């Protein structure tokens, strides 16, 4: 697996760079933020995520190890592939991504091209506990109507939540009730 490249940029096109590393050329997809600063003929250092598919091997390059790590956490969410992960990291800073997760900011992720409300909610729920540098979304210590309050944080109205809560098994763990509520609210 390729994890790091340092070499000379041979060519650049469509957010991709071809990097010559000791006579071997690697094609690497880079973020929107880093692409403009990369200059043909200059040396570049990239932290790499190697993505293997049935019919392809793709390299995704990042300016820092922090960007690479947050990218890998993001693509661990089902439904978030490397292209969307690269878009998130390329249009948002690591600190802002971490803050959005810690504050359950649905609108932050909805603002990324290719992510709707349901996708943004899914990212927040699945990243709970996966990002070591952010404060955990504490969904287990909410008050009496804890499930209702948690769903409100995701941007749903009290009326929508009330209807869905009637269909959820209230004997489940709080976190499971929240996930079930998000699934049902996402279908509407």
N, C-alpha and C. Protein backbone atom coordinates (compact mmCIF):
# COMPACT_ATOMS: atom_id res chain seq x y z
N UNK A 1 0.85 -1.18 0.00
CA UNK A 1 0.00 0.00 0.00
C UNK A 1 0.89 1.24 0.00
N UNK A 2 0.55 2.21 -0.81
CA UNK A 2 1.29 3.46 -0.89
C UNK A 2 0.71 4.41 0.15
N UNK A 3 1.56 4.98 1.00
CA UNK A 3 1.09 5.89 2.05
C UNK A 3 1.67 7.28 1.97
N UNK A 4 2.73 7.46 1.16
CA UNK A 4 3.40 8.76 1.08
C UNK A 4 4.17 8.81 -0.23
N UNK A 5 4.16 9.97 -0.88
CA UNK A 5 4.95 10.17 -2.10
C UNK A 5 5.66 11.52 -2.02
N UNK A 6 6.91 11.53 -2.49
CA UNK A 6 7.64 12.79 -2.68
C UNK A 6 8.31 12.70 -4.03
N UNK A 7 8.02 13.67 -4.87
CA UNK A 7 8.60 13.67 -6.21
C UNK A 7 8.27 14.94 -6.95
N UNK A 8 8.56 14.92 -8.24
CA UNK A 8 8.36 16.08 -9.11
C UNK A 8 7.05 15.94 -9.88
N UNK A 9 6.30 17.04 -9.95
CA UNK A 9 5.03 17.03 -10.68
C UNK A 9 5.33 17.07 -12.17
N UNK A 10 4.92 16.01 -12.87
CA UNK A 10 5.10 15.94 -14.33
C UNK A 10 3.97 16.63 -15.08
N UNK A 11 2.77 16.48 -14.57
CA UNK A 11 1.58 16.99 -15.25
C UNK A 11 0.50 17.21 -14.20
N UNK A 12 -0.44 18.11 -14.50
CA UNK A 12 -1.61 18.29 -13.62
C UNK A 12 -2.82 18.62 -14.47
N UNK A 13 -3.96 18.01 -14.10
CA UNK A 13 -5.19 18.18 -14.86
C UNK A 13 -6.37 17.67 -14.03
N UNK A 14 -7.45 18.43 -14.02
CA UNK A 14 -8.70 18.00 -13.37
C UNK A 14 -8.51 17.47 -11.94
N UNK A 15 -7.87 18.26 -11.10
CA UNK A 15 -7.59 17.88 -9.71
C UNK A 15 -6.75 16.61 -9.58
N UNK A 16 -5.97 16.31 -10.61
CA UNK A 16 -5.06 15.17 -10.57
C UNK A 16 -3.66 15.66 -10.91
N UNK A 17 -2.67 15.03 -10.27
CA UNK A 17 -1.28 15.32 -10.60
C UNK A 17 -0.57 14.01 -10.88
N UNK A 18 0.39 14.07 -11.80
CA UNK A 18 1.25 12.93 -12.09
C UNK A 18 2.58 13.25 -11.43
N UNK A 19 2.99 12.38 -10.49
CA UNK A 19 4.20 12.63 -9.71
C UNK A 19 5.26 11.61 -10.10
N UNK A 20 6.45 12.11 -10.47
CA UNK A 20 7.59 11.26 -10.81
C UNK A 20 8.39 11.03 -9.53
N UNK A 21 8.41 9.77 -9.09
CA UNK A 21 9.18 9.39 -7.92
C UNK A 21 10.24 8.41 -8.39
N UNK A 22 11.46 8.90 -8.55
CA UNK A 22 12.60 8.08 -8.99
C UNK A 22 12.29 7.31 -10.27
N UNK A 23 11.69 7.98 -11.24
CA UNK A 23 11.42 7.36 -12.53
C UNK A 23 10.11 6.61 -12.64
N UNK A 24 9.34 6.54 -11.56
CA UNK A 24 8.02 5.90 -11.59
C UNK A 24 6.97 6.99 -11.45
N UNK A 25 6.01 7.02 -12.36
CA UNK A 25 4.96 8.04 -12.34
C UNK A 25 3.70 7.55 -11.64
N UNK A 26 3.21 8.35 -10.71
CA UNK A 26 1.98 8.03 -9.98
C UNK A 26 0.95 9.10 -10.29
N UNK A 27 -0.27 8.69 -10.62
CA UNK A 27 -1.37 9.63 -10.82
C UNK A 27 -2.14 9.70 -9.51
N UNK A 28 -2.28 10.92 -8.97
CA UNK A 28 -2.88 11.13 -7.66
C UNK A 28 -3.99 12.16 -7.75
N UNK A 29 -5.17 11.83 -7.21
CA UNK A 29 -6.27 12.78 -7.11
C UNK A 29 -6.02 13.61 -5.85
N UNK A 30 -6.02 14.93 -6.00
CA UNK A 30 -5.77 15.82 -4.86
C UNK A 30 -7.01 16.66 -4.58
N UNK A 31 -7.00 17.35 -3.46
CA UNK A 31 -8.16 18.15 -3.07
C UNK A 31 -8.23 19.46 -3.85
N UNK A 32 -9.44 20.02 -3.87
CA UNK A 32 -9.66 21.31 -4.55
C UNK A 32 -8.78 22.40 -3.96
N UNK A 33 -8.56 22.33 -2.66
CA UNK A 33 -7.78 23.36 -1.98
C UNK A 33 -6.30 23.29 -2.35
N UNK A 34 -5.74 22.08 -2.47
CA UNK A 34 -4.31 21.97 -2.73
C UNK A 34 -3.96 22.04 -4.21
N UNK A 35 -4.88 21.69 -5.10
CA UNK A 35 -4.60 21.63 -6.54
C UNK A 35 -4.02 22.93 -7.11
N UNK A 36 -4.61 24.09 -6.85
CA UNK A 36 -4.08 25.32 -7.45
C UNK A 36 -2.63 25.63 -7.07
N UNK A 37 -2.21 25.20 -5.88
CA UNK A 37 -0.85 25.50 -5.41
C UNK A 37 0.22 24.55 -5.93
N UNK A 38 -0.19 23.50 -6.63
CA UNK A 38 0.77 22.54 -7.16
C UNK A 38 1.25 23.00 -8.53
N UNK A 39 2.56 23.04 -8.71
CA UNK A 39 3.14 23.60 -9.93
C UNK A 39 3.95 22.53 -10.66
N UNK A 40 3.66 22.42 -11.95
CA UNK A 40 4.37 21.47 -12.81
C UNK A 40 5.89 21.75 -12.73
N UNK A 41 6.68 20.69 -12.53
CA UNK A 41 8.14 20.81 -12.45
C UNK A 41 8.66 21.02 -11.04
N UNK A 42 7.77 21.26 -10.08
CA UNK A 42 8.20 21.45 -8.69
C UNK A 42 8.01 20.18 -7.88
N UNK A 43 8.75 20.12 -6.77
CA UNK A 43 8.64 18.95 -5.89
C UNK A 43 7.37 19.06 -5.05
N UNK A 44 6.80 17.91 -4.76
CA UNK A 44 5.59 17.84 -3.95
C UNK A 44 5.72 16.68 -2.97
N UNK A 45 5.13 16.84 -1.79
CA UNK A 45 5.02 15.77 -0.80
C UNK A 45 3.54 15.56 -0.54
N UNK A 46 3.08 14.32 -0.66
CA UNK A 46 1.67 14.01 -0.44
C UNK A 46 1.51 12.80 0.46
N UNK A 47 0.58 12.90 1.39
CA UNK A 47 0.19 11.75 2.20
C UNK A 47 -0.91 11.05 1.41
N UNK A 48 -0.78 9.75 1.21
CA UNK A 48 -1.60 9.03 0.24
C UNK A 48 -2.55 8.03 0.91
N UNK A 49 -3.77 8.00 0.39
CA UNK A 49 -4.71 6.92 0.69
C UNK A 49 -4.81 6.09 -0.59
N UNK A 50 -4.50 4.80 -0.50
CA UNK A 50 -4.60 3.91 -1.64
C UNK A 50 -5.97 3.24 -1.60
N UNK A 51 -6.77 3.49 -2.63
CA UNK A 51 -8.12 2.93 -2.68
C UNK A 51 -8.17 1.85 -3.76
N UNK A 52 -8.51 0.64 -3.35
CA UNK A 52 -8.54 -0.49 -4.27
C UNK A 52 -9.99 -0.86 -4.54
N UNK A 53 -10.35 -0.90 -5.83
CA UNK A 53 -11.68 -1.34 -6.26
C UNK A 53 -11.50 -2.56 -7.14
N UNK A 54 -12.60 -3.17 -7.54
CA UNK A 54 -12.54 -4.35 -8.40
C UNK A 54 -11.71 -4.11 -9.66
N UNK A 55 -11.93 -2.96 -10.28
CA UNK A 55 -11.31 -2.71 -11.57
C UNK A 55 -10.34 -1.54 -11.58
N UNK A 56 -9.94 -1.05 -10.40
CA UNK A 56 -9.04 0.11 -10.38
C UNK A 56 -8.29 0.23 -9.06
N UNK A 57 -7.17 0.90 -9.14
CA UNK A 57 -6.39 1.27 -7.97
C UNK A 57 -6.22 2.78 -8.05
N UNK A 58 -6.74 3.51 -7.07
CA UNK A 58 -6.69 4.97 -7.10
C UNK A 58 -5.90 5.49 -5.91
N UNK A 59 -5.17 6.57 -6.15
CA UNK A 59 -4.40 7.23 -5.11
C UNK A 59 -5.02 8.60 -4.83
N UNK A 60 -5.26 8.89 -3.55
CA UNK A 60 -5.80 10.17 -3.12
C UNK A 60 -4.74 10.84 -2.27
N UNK A 61 -4.35 12.06 -2.64
CA UNK A 61 -3.25 12.74 -1.96
C UNK A 61 -3.68 13.92 -1.13
N UNK A 62 -3.03 14.08 0.03
CA UNK A 62 -3.35 15.15 0.98
C UNK A 62 -2.09 15.85 1.43
N UNK A 63 -2.23 17.14 1.75
CA UNK A 63 -1.09 17.96 2.15
C UNK A 63 -0.54 17.59 3.52
N UNK A 64 -1.38 17.05 4.40
CA UNK A 64 -0.93 16.75 5.76
C UNK A 64 -1.47 15.40 6.22
N UNK A 65 -0.83 14.88 7.23
CA UNK A 65 -1.28 13.62 7.82
C UNK A 65 -2.65 13.80 8.48
N UNK A 66 -2.91 14.99 9.04
CA UNK A 66 -4.21 15.26 9.67
C UNK A 66 -5.34 15.18 8.64
N UNK A 67 -5.10 15.73 7.43
CA UNK A 67 -6.11 15.65 6.37
C UNK A 67 -6.35 14.20 5.96
N UNK A 68 -5.28 13.43 5.84
CA UNK A 68 -5.40 12.02 5.47
C UNK A 68 -6.22 11.27 6.52
N UNK A 69 -5.91 11.50 7.79
CA UNK A 69 -6.62 10.78 8.87
C UNK A 69 -8.10 11.12 8.89
N UNK A 70 -8.44 12.40 8.74
CA UNK A 70 -9.87 12.77 8.77
C UNK A 70 -10.58 12.21 7.54
N UNK A 71 -9.90 12.19 6.41
CA UNK A 71 -10.45 11.59 5.19
C UNK A 71 -10.77 10.11 5.44
N UNK A 72 -9.85 9.39 6.04
CA UNK A 72 -10.06 7.96 6.28
C UNK A 72 -11.19 7.71 7.26
N UNK A 73 -11.36 8.61 8.23
CA UNK A 73 -12.50 8.50 9.15
C UNK A 73 -13.80 8.75 8.39
N UNK A 74 -13.81 9.77 7.53
CA UNK A 74 -15.01 10.09 6.77
C UNK A 74 -15.43 8.95 5.84
N UNK A 75 -14.49 8.33 5.15
CA UNK A 75 -14.87 7.27 4.21
C UNK A 75 -15.23 5.97 4.92
N UNK A 76 -15.04 5.92 6.25
CA UNK A 76 -15.50 4.75 7.00
C UNK A 76 -17.01 4.77 7.16
N UNK A 77 -17.64 5.91 6.88
CA UNK A 77 -19.10 6.04 6.95
C UNK A 77 -19.68 5.39 5.69
N UNK A 78 -20.63 4.48 5.88
CA UNK A 78 -21.22 3.84 4.71
C UNK A 78 -21.93 4.90 3.86
N UNK A 79 -21.68 4.84 2.58
CA UNK A 79 -22.26 5.82 1.67
C UNK A 79 -21.35 6.99 1.35
N UNK A 80 -20.26 7.12 2.09
CA UNK A 80 -19.29 8.19 1.82
C UNK A 80 -18.07 7.54 1.19
N UNK A 81 -17.94 7.72 -0.11
CA UNK A 81 -16.81 7.16 -0.83
C UNK A 81 -15.65 8.14 -0.88
N UNK A 82 -14.56 7.74 -1.51
CA UNK A 82 -13.38 8.59 -1.57
C UNK A 82 -13.61 9.93 -2.29
N UNK A 83 -14.47 9.95 -3.29
CA UNK A 83 -14.70 11.20 -4.02
C UNK A 83 -15.39 12.23 -3.10
N UNK A 84 -16.42 11.79 -2.37
CA UNK A 84 -17.11 12.71 -1.45
C UNK A 84 -16.19 13.05 -0.28
N UNK A 85 -15.43 12.07 0.21
CA UNK A 85 -14.48 12.34 1.29
C UNK A 85 -13.46 13.39 0.88
N UNK A 86 -12.97 13.29 -0.35
CA UNK A 86 -12.01 14.26 -0.86
C UNK A 86 -12.66 15.64 -1.00
N UNK A 87 -13.91 15.68 -1.41
CA UNK A 87 -14.63 16.95 -1.53
C UNK A 87 -14.78 17.60 -0.16
N UNK A 88 -15.13 16.81 0.86
CA UNK A 88 -15.28 17.37 2.21
C UNK A 88 -13.95 17.94 2.69
N UNK A 89 -12.89 17.14 2.61
CA UNK A 89 -11.58 17.58 3.09
C UNK A 89 -11.03 18.73 2.24
N UNK A 90 -11.37 18.75 0.97
CA UNK A 90 -10.88 19.79 0.08
C UNK A 90 -11.60 21.11 0.16
N UNK A 91 -12.76 21.12 0.81
CA UNK A 91 -13.53 22.36 0.91
C UNK A 91 -13.73 22.81 2.35
N UNK A 92 -13.31 21.99 3.30
CA UNK A 92 -13.46 22.31 4.72
C UNK A 92 -12.13 22.00 5.42
N UNK A 93 -11.81 22.73 6.47
CA UNK A 93 -10.58 22.45 7.21
C UNK A 93 -10.84 21.32 8.22
N UNK A 94 -9.76 20.69 8.64
CA UNK A 94 -9.86 19.59 9.61
C UNK A 94 -10.53 20.09 10.88
N UNK A 95 -10.12 21.26 11.38
CA UNK A 95 -10.71 21.80 12.61
C UNK A 95 -12.21 22.02 12.48
N UNK A 96 -12.63 22.54 11.33
CA UNK A 96 -14.06 22.80 11.13
C UNK A 96 -14.85 21.50 11.00
N UNK A 97 -14.27 20.48 10.39
CA UNK A 97 -14.94 19.18 10.29
C UNK A 97 -15.12 18.60 11.68
N UNK A 98 -14.06 18.64 12.49
CA UNK A 98 -14.14 18.12 13.86
C UNK A 98 -15.17 18.87 14.68
N UNK A 99 -15.20 20.20 14.53
CA UNK A 99 -16.18 21.01 15.27
C UNK A 99 -17.61 20.67 14.84
N UNK A 100 -17.82 20.50 13.53
CA UNK A 100 -19.15 20.16 13.03
C UNK A 100 -19.64 18.84 13.59
N UNK A 101 -18.74 17.87 13.72
CA UNK A 101 -19.13 16.58 14.29
C UNK A 101 -19.44 16.75 15.78
N UNK A 102 -18.60 17.48 16.49
CA UNK A 102 -18.80 17.63 17.93
C UNK A 102 -20.07 18.39 18.27
N UNK A 103 -20.51 19.27 17.37
CA UNK A 103 -21.73 20.05 17.63
C UNK A 103 -22.94 19.52 16.86
N UNK A 104 -22.78 18.40 16.17
CA UNK A 104 -23.86 17.79 15.38
C UNK A 104 -24.45 18.78 14.38
N UNK A 105 -23.57 19.46 13.64
CA UNK A 105 -23.97 20.49 12.69
C UNK A 105 -24.33 19.87 11.33
N UNK A 106 -25.60 19.56 11.16
CA UNK A 106 -26.09 18.94 9.92
C UNK A 106 -25.86 19.87 8.73
N UNK A 107 -26.13 21.15 8.90
CA UNK A 107 -26.01 22.11 7.80
C UNK A 107 -24.58 22.18 7.25
N UNK A 108 -23.59 21.99 8.10
CA UNK A 108 -22.19 22.03 7.66
C UNK A 108 -21.94 20.99 6.57
N UNK A 109 -22.40 19.75 6.81
CA UNK A 109 -22.18 18.68 5.84
C UNK A 109 -23.13 18.80 4.64
N UNK A 110 -24.34 19.34 4.87
CA UNK A 110 -25.27 19.54 3.76
C UNK A 110 -24.71 20.55 2.76
N UNK A 111 -23.85 21.44 3.21
CA UNK A 111 -23.26 22.44 2.35
C UNK A 111 -22.23 21.89 1.38
N UNK A 112 -21.88 20.60 1.54
CA UNK A 112 -20.91 19.97 0.66
C UNK A 112 -21.65 19.38 -0.53
N UNK A 113 -21.15 19.64 -1.73
CA UNK A 113 -21.78 19.13 -2.94
C UNK A 113 -21.86 17.61 -2.89
N UNK A 114 -23.07 17.08 -3.12
CA UNK A 114 -23.27 15.63 -3.13
C UNK A 114 -23.78 15.06 -1.83
N UNK A 115 -23.96 15.91 -0.80
CA UNK A 115 -24.46 15.42 0.50
C UNK A 115 -25.77 16.12 0.81
N UNK A 116 -26.81 15.33 1.01
CA UNK A 116 -28.11 15.86 1.39
C UNK A 116 -28.30 15.76 2.90
N UNK A 117 -29.50 16.10 3.35
CA UNK A 117 -29.80 16.10 4.78
C UNK A 117 -29.62 14.71 5.39
N UNK A 118 -30.15 13.70 4.73
CA UNK A 118 -30.06 12.34 5.25
C UNK A 118 -28.59 11.89 5.32
N UNK A 119 -27.82 12.20 4.29
CA UNK A 119 -26.40 11.84 4.28
C UNK A 119 -25.63 12.55 5.39
N UNK A 120 -25.95 13.82 5.60
CA UNK A 120 -25.29 14.60 6.65
C UNK A 120 -25.60 14.01 8.02
N UNK A 121 -26.85 13.62 8.23
CA UNK A 121 -27.24 13.01 9.51
C UNK A 121 -26.52 11.69 9.72
N UNK A 122 -26.42 10.92 8.66
CA UNK A 122 -25.76 9.62 8.75
C UNK A 122 -24.28 9.80 9.11
N UNK A 123 -23.63 10.78 8.50
CA UNK A 123 -22.23 11.05 8.82
C UNK A 123 -22.08 11.35 10.30
N UNK A 124 -22.93 12.22 10.82
CA UNK A 124 -22.83 12.60 12.23
C UNK A 124 -23.06 11.42 13.17
N UNK A 125 -24.06 10.60 12.88
CA UNK A 125 -24.35 9.46 13.74
C UNK A 125 -23.21 8.45 13.70
N UNK A 126 -22.71 8.15 12.50
CA UNK A 126 -21.67 7.14 12.38
C UNK A 126 -20.30 7.62 12.87
N UNK A 127 -20.07 8.92 12.88
CA UNK A 127 -18.77 9.42 13.35
C UNK A 127 -18.71 9.55 14.87
N UNK A 128 -19.85 9.40 15.52
CA UNK A 128 -19.87 9.45 16.98
C UNK A 128 -18.87 8.43 17.53
N UNK A 129 -17.88 8.91 18.22
CA UNK A 129 -16.89 8.03 18.84
C UNK A 129 -15.73 7.63 17.94
N UNK A 130 -15.77 7.98 16.65
CA UNK A 130 -14.69 7.60 15.75
C UNK A 130 -13.61 8.67 15.62
N UNK A 131 -13.90 9.86 16.07
CA UNK A 131 -12.95 10.96 15.92
C UNK A 131 -12.34 11.27 17.28
N UNK A 132 -11.13 10.79 17.53
CA UNK A 132 -10.53 10.92 18.85
C UNK A 132 -10.29 12.35 19.29
N UNK A 133 -10.14 13.28 18.36
CA UNK A 133 -9.80 14.64 18.77
C UNK A 133 -11.03 15.52 18.98
N UNK A 134 -12.21 14.96 18.79
CA UNK A 134 -13.41 15.78 19.00
C UNK A 134 -14.18 15.26 20.20
N UNK A 135 -14.94 16.17 20.80
CA UNK A 135 -15.80 15.81 21.91
C UNK A 135 -16.90 14.90 21.39
N UNK A 136 -17.13 13.81 22.08
CA UNK A 136 -18.14 12.84 21.67
C UNK A 136 -19.54 13.44 21.76
N UNK A 137 -20.37 13.15 20.78
CA UNK A 137 -21.77 13.54 20.86
C UNK A 137 -22.38 12.70 21.97
N UNK A 138 -22.73 13.31 23.08
CA UNK A 138 -23.18 12.53 24.21
C UNK A 138 -24.67 12.31 24.13
N UNK A 139 -25.06 11.30 23.37
CA UNK A 139 -26.48 11.04 23.17
C UNK A 139 -27.07 10.20 24.29
N UNK A 140 -26.26 9.63 25.15
CA UNK A 140 -26.78 8.77 26.21
C UNK A 140 -27.13 9.52 27.49
N UNK A 141 -26.71 10.77 27.64
CA UNK A 141 -26.95 11.49 28.89
C UNK A 141 -27.97 12.60 28.73
N UNK A 142 -28.89 12.45 27.83
CA UNK A 142 -29.91 13.47 27.65
C UNK A 142 -31.02 13.29 28.69
N UNK A 143 -31.83 14.33 28.90
CA UNK A 143 -32.88 14.31 29.92
C UNK A 143 -34.04 13.39 29.54
N UNK A 144 -35.23 13.60 30.13
CA UNK A 144 -36.39 12.74 29.95
C UNK A 144 -36.71 12.42 28.49
N UNK A 145 -36.91 13.42 27.69
CA UNK A 145 -37.22 13.14 26.29
C UNK A 145 -35.93 13.24 25.47
N UNK A 146 -34.94 12.46 25.90
CA UNK A 146 -33.61 12.49 25.31
C UNK A 146 -33.59 12.17 23.81
N UNK A 147 -34.40 11.23 23.39
CA UNK A 147 -34.44 10.88 21.96
C UNK A 147 -34.99 12.05 21.17
N UNK A 148 -36.04 12.66 21.68
CA UNK A 148 -36.65 13.80 21.01
C UNK A 148 -35.65 14.96 20.88
N UNK A 149 -34.95 15.26 21.95
CA UNK A 149 -33.96 16.35 21.93
C UNK A 149 -32.83 16.05 20.95
N UNK A 150 -32.39 14.80 20.93
CA UNK A 150 -31.30 14.44 20.02
C UNK A 150 -31.74 14.60 18.57
N UNK A 151 -32.97 14.17 18.26
CA UNK A 151 -33.46 14.30 16.89
C UNK A 151 -33.66 15.76 16.50
N UNK A 152 -34.02 16.60 17.48
CA UNK A 152 -34.14 18.03 17.21
C UNK A 152 -32.79 18.62 16.81
N UNK A 153 -31.70 18.12 17.41
CA UNK A 153 -30.36 18.60 17.07
C UNK A 153 -30.03 18.34 15.61
N UNK A 154 -30.67 17.33 15.01
CA UNK A 154 -30.44 17.02 13.61
C UNK A 154 -31.35 17.82 12.68
N UNK A 155 -32.14 18.74 13.25
CA UNK A 155 -32.91 19.65 12.41
C UNK A 155 -34.35 19.26 12.13
N UNK A 156 -34.87 18.24 12.81
CA UNK A 156 -36.26 17.84 12.59
C UNK A 156 -37.19 18.63 13.50
N UNK A 157 -38.43 18.84 13.04
CA UNK A 157 -39.41 19.58 13.84
C UNK A 157 -39.99 18.68 14.93
N UNK A 158 -40.54 19.32 15.95
CA UNK A 158 -41.14 18.56 17.06
C UNK A 158 -42.31 17.72 16.57
N UNK A 159 -43.07 18.24 15.62
CA UNK A 159 -44.22 17.49 15.08
C UNK A 159 -43.75 16.23 14.37
N UNK A 160 -42.71 16.34 13.54
CA UNK A 160 -42.17 15.17 12.82
C UNK A 160 -41.67 14.13 13.83
N UNK A 161 -40.96 14.62 14.84
CA UNK A 161 -40.37 13.72 15.84
C UNK A 161 -41.46 13.00 16.63
N UNK A 162 -42.48 13.74 17.03
CA UNK A 162 -43.58 13.14 17.81
C UNK A 162 -44.21 11.97 17.07
N UNK A 163 -44.46 12.14 15.77
CA UNK A 163 -45.06 11.07 14.96
C UNK A 163 -44.15 9.85 14.88
N UNK A 164 -42.87 10.07 14.70
CA UNK A 164 -41.93 8.96 14.57
C UNK A 164 -41.72 8.25 15.90
N UNK A 165 -41.71 8.99 17.00
CA UNK A 165 -41.49 8.38 18.31
C UNK A 165 -42.58 7.37 18.65
N UNK A 166 -43.77 7.58 18.10
CA UNK A 166 -44.87 6.64 18.35
C UNK A 166 -44.61 5.28 17.70
N UNK A 167 -43.74 5.24 16.69
CA UNK A 167 -43.49 3.99 15.96
C UNK A 167 -42.20 3.29 16.40
N UNK A 168 -41.48 3.88 17.34
CA UNK A 168 -40.19 3.32 17.78
C UNK A 168 -40.37 2.52 19.06
N UNK A 169 -39.69 1.40 19.15
CA UNK A 169 -39.68 0.57 20.37
C UNK A 169 -38.89 1.32 21.44
N UNK A 170 -39.58 1.83 22.46
CA UNK A 170 -38.95 2.66 23.49
C UNK A 170 -38.15 1.84 24.50
N UNK A 171 -38.17 0.51 24.36
CA UNK A 171 -37.37 -0.34 25.25
C UNK A 171 -35.93 -0.49 24.76
N UNK A 172 -35.67 -0.05 23.52
CA UNK A 172 -34.31 -0.13 22.98
C UNK A 172 -33.41 0.87 23.70
N UNK A 173 -32.10 0.67 23.55
CA UNK A 173 -31.14 1.63 24.08
C UNK A 173 -31.41 2.99 23.43
N UNK A 174 -31.08 4.06 24.14
CA UNK A 174 -31.34 5.41 23.65
C UNK A 174 -30.68 5.63 22.28
N UNK A 175 -29.43 5.23 22.15
CA UNK A 175 -28.72 5.43 20.89
C UNK A 175 -29.41 4.70 19.73
N UNK A 176 -29.91 3.49 19.99
CA UNK A 176 -30.62 2.73 18.96
C UNK A 176 -31.93 3.42 18.58
N UNK A 177 -32.62 3.98 19.58
CA UNK A 177 -33.85 4.72 19.30
C UNK A 177 -33.56 5.92 18.41
N UNK A 178 -32.46 6.60 18.66
CA UNK A 178 -32.09 7.76 17.86
C UNK A 178 -31.78 7.33 16.43
N UNK A 179 -31.02 6.26 16.28
CA UNK A 179 -30.71 5.76 14.93
C UNK A 179 -31.98 5.36 14.18
N UNK A 180 -32.88 4.66 14.88
CA UNK A 180 -34.14 4.24 14.26
C UNK A 180 -34.96 5.47 13.86
N UNK A 181 -34.99 6.47 14.75
CA UNK A 181 -35.71 7.70 14.44
C UNK A 181 -35.14 8.40 13.22
N UNK A 182 -33.82 8.44 13.12
CA UNK A 182 -33.17 9.06 11.96
C UNK A 182 -33.50 8.31 10.68
N UNK A 183 -33.50 6.99 10.76
CA UNK A 183 -33.85 6.19 9.57
C UNK A 183 -35.25 6.53 9.10
N UNK A 184 -36.19 6.53 10.04
CA UNK A 184 -37.58 6.77 9.69
C UNK A 184 -37.81 8.21 9.21
N UNK A 185 -37.16 9.17 9.86
CA UNK A 185 -37.32 10.56 9.46
C UNK A 185 -36.65 10.82 8.11
N UNK A 186 -35.59 10.09 7.82
CA UNK A 186 -34.89 10.24 6.55
C UNK A 186 -35.70 9.75 5.36
N UNK A 187 -36.64 8.86 5.59
CA UNK A 187 -37.46 8.31 4.50
C UNK A 187 -38.57 9.26 4.08
N UNK A 188 -38.86 10.24 4.91
CA UNK A 188 -40.00 11.14 4.62
C UNK A 188 -39.64 12.14 3.55
